[in-house]
C-alpha atoms as a PDB file:
ATOM      1  CA  UNK A   1      39.041 -22.712   4.780  1.00  0.00           C
ATOM      2  CA  UNK A   2      37.174 -24.546   7.546  1.00  0.00           C
ATOM      3  CA  UNK A   3      37.343 -21.544   9.879  1.00  0.00           C
ATOM      4  CA  UNK A   4      35.772 -19.310   7.204  1.00  0.00           C
ATOM      5  CA  UNK A   5      32.911 -21.746   6.649  1.00  0.00           C
ATOM      6  CA  UNK A   6      32.442 -22.116  10.404  1.00  0.00           C
ATOM      7  CA  UNK A   7      32.370 -18.318  10.868  1.00  0.00           C
ATOM      8  CA  UNK A   8      29.748 -17.989   8.107  1.00  0.00           C
ATOM      9  CA  UNK A   9      27.623 -20.717   9.674  1.00  0.00           C
ATOM     10  CA  UNK A  10      27.835 -19.102  13.123  1.00  0.00           C
ATOM     11  CA  UNK A  11      26.877 -15.722  11.633  1.00  0.00           C
ATOM     12  CA  UNK A  12      23.935 -17.252   9.768  1.00  0.00           C
ATOM     13  CA  UNK A  13      22.643 -19.044  12.859  1.00  0.00           C
ATOM     14  CA  UNK A  14      22.996 -15.880  14.953  1.00  0.00           C
ATOM     15  CA  UNK A  15      20.949 -13.950  12.396  1.00  0.00           C
ATOM     16  CA  UNK A  16      18.230 -16.590  12.318  1.00  0.00           C
ATOM     17  CA  UNK A  17      17.937 -16.822  16.093  1.00  0.00           C
ATOM     18  CA  UNK A  18      17.826 -13.044  16.681  1.00  0.00           C
ATOM     19  CA  UNK A  19      14.411 -11.781  17.816  1.00  0.00           C
ATOM     20  CA  UNK A  20      12.387 -10.039  15.132  1.00  0.00           C
ATOM     21  CA  UNK A  21      10.418  -6.941  16.031  1.00  0.00           C
ATOM     22  CA  UNK A  22       7.861  -5.474  13.672  1.00  0.00           C
ATOM     23  CA  UNK A  23       7.596  -1.736  13.210  1.00  0.00           C
ATOM     24  CA  UNK A  24       4.123  -0.248  13.708  1.00  0.00           C
ATOM     25  CA  UNK A  25       2.263   0.619  10.533  1.00  0.00           C
ATOM     26  CA  UNK A  26       1.342   4.201   9.736  1.00  0.00           C
ATOM     27  CA  UNK A  27      -2.029   5.467   8.593  1.00  0.00           C
ATOM     28  CA  UNK A  28      -0.954   6.716   5.144  1.00  0.00           C
ATOM     29  CA  UNK A  29      -2.755   5.179   2.193  1.00  0.00           C
ATOM     30  CA  UNK A  30      -1.534   5.995  -1.291  1.00  0.00           C
ATOM     31  CA  UNK A  31      -3.713   5.499  -4.317  1.00  0.00           C
ATOM     32  CA  UNK A  32      -3.947   6.595  -7.898  1.00  0.00           C
ATOM     33  CA  UNK A  33      -6.566   6.486 -10.561  1.00  0.00           C
ATOM     34  CA  UNK A  34      -8.294   8.312 -13.346  1.00  0.00           C
ATOM     35  CA  UNK A  35     -11.715   9.881 -13.137  1.00  0.00           C
ATOM     36  CA  UNK A  36     -13.560  10.547 -16.396  1.00  0.00           C
ATOM     37  CA  UNK A  37     -16.899  12.173 -17.147  1.00  0.00           C
ATOM     38  CA  UNK A  38     -18.314  11.658 -20.656  1.00  0.00           C
ATOM     39  CA  UNK A  39     -14.946  10.328 -21.811  1.00  0.00           C
ATOM     40  CA  UNK A  40     -13.018  13.405 -20.657  1.00  0.00           C
ATOM     41  CA  UNK A  41     -10.832  13.820 -17.553  1.00  0.00           C
ATOM     42  CA  UNK A  42     -12.905  15.151 -14.679  1.00  0.00           C
ATOM     43  CA  UNK A  43     -11.559  18.273 -12.950  1.00  0.00           C
ATOM     44  CA  UNK A  44     -13.853  19.300 -10.117  1.00  0.00           C
ATOM     45  CA  UNK A  45     -14.721  19.035  -6.457  1.00  0.00           C
ATOM     46  CA  UNK A  46     -16.441  15.678  -6.001  1.00  0.00           C
ATOM     47  CA  UNK A  47     -17.275  12.881  -3.552  1.00  0.00           C
ATOM     48  CA  UNK A  48     -15.155   9.719  -3.659  1.00  0.00           C
ATOM     49  CA  UNK A  49     -16.412   6.389  -2.326  1.00  0.00           C
ATOM     50  CA  UNK A  50     -13.728   3.734  -1.730  1.00  0.00           C
ATOM     51  CA  UNK A  51     -13.921   0.038  -0.896  1.00  0.00           C
ATOM     52  CA  UNK A  52     -10.881  -2.201  -0.366  1.00  0.00           C
ATOM     53  CA  UNK A  53     -11.054  -5.741  -1.802  1.00  0.00           C
ATOM     54  CA  UNK A  54      -8.891  -8.764  -1.027  1.00  0.00           C
ATOM     55  CA  UNK A  55      -7.948  -9.286  -4.695  1.00  0.00           C
ATOM     56  CA  UNK A  56      -7.047  -6.921  -7.511  1.00  0.00           C
ATOM     57  CA  UNK A  57      -9.968  -8.264  -9.553  1.00  0.00           C
ATOM     58  CA  UNK A  58     -12.600  -8.250  -6.812  1.00  0.00           C
ATOM     59  CA  UNK A  59     -13.359 -10.899  -4.249  1.00  0.00           C
ATOM     60  CA  UNK A  60     -14.592 -10.078  -0.779  1.00  0.00           C
ATOM     61  CA  UNK A  61     -14.605  -6.535   0.545  1.00  0.00           C
ATOM     62  CA  UNK A  62     -12.192  -6.169   3.474  1.00  0.00           C
ATOM     63  CA  UNK A  63     -12.621  -2.454   4.137  1.00  0.00           C
ATOM     64  CA  UNK A  64     -15.113   0.287   3.418  1.00  0.00           C
ATOM     65  CA  UNK A  65     -17.042   1.708   1.912  1.00  0.00           C
ATOM     66  CA  UNK A  66     -15.408   4.963   2.942  1.00  0.00           C
ATOM     67  CA  UNK A  67     -16.784   8.281   1.690  1.00  0.00           C
ATOM     68  CA  UNK A  68     -14.615  11.380   1.260  1.00  0.00           C
ATOM     69  CA  UNK A  69     -16.584  14.551   0.552  1.00  0.00           C
ATOM     70  CA  UNK A  70     -15.279  17.642  -1.233  1.00  0.00           C
ATOM     71  CA  UNK A  71     -12.221  16.021  -2.814  1.00  0.00           C
ATOM     72  CA  UNK A  72     -10.397  18.224  -5.325  1.00  0.00           C
ATOM     73  CA  UNK A  73      -9.761  16.278  -8.536  1.00  0.00           C
ATOM     74  CA  UNK A  74      -7.258  17.696 -11.034  1.00  0.00           C
ATOM     75  CA  UNK A  75      -5.135  16.505 -13.900  1.00  0.00           C
ATOM     76  CA  UNK A  76      -1.954  16.965 -11.870  1.00  0.00           C
ATOM     77  CA  UNK A  77      -0.079  13.956 -10.531  1.00  0.00           C
ATOM     78  CA  UNK A  78       1.535  14.426  -7.129  1.00  0.00           C
ATOM     79  CA  UNK A  79       2.846  12.221  -4.329  1.00  0.00           C
END
């Protein structure tokens, strides 16, 4: 029983002391939303302005504004 506990402890310590390397982040940014005009879903070519905030309910802006021109908006969901 002691050898099993010792082996687990050695394995745990080896895992903790192993160097950690972070993978580089990509540039993909996924988002979803709904665009309405006069209470109806908007299906058109439009301009989207985006700003990234530090909190879901506002706070300080940490990125943007970023403008994307000629964005096709449809009622189709895709990933």
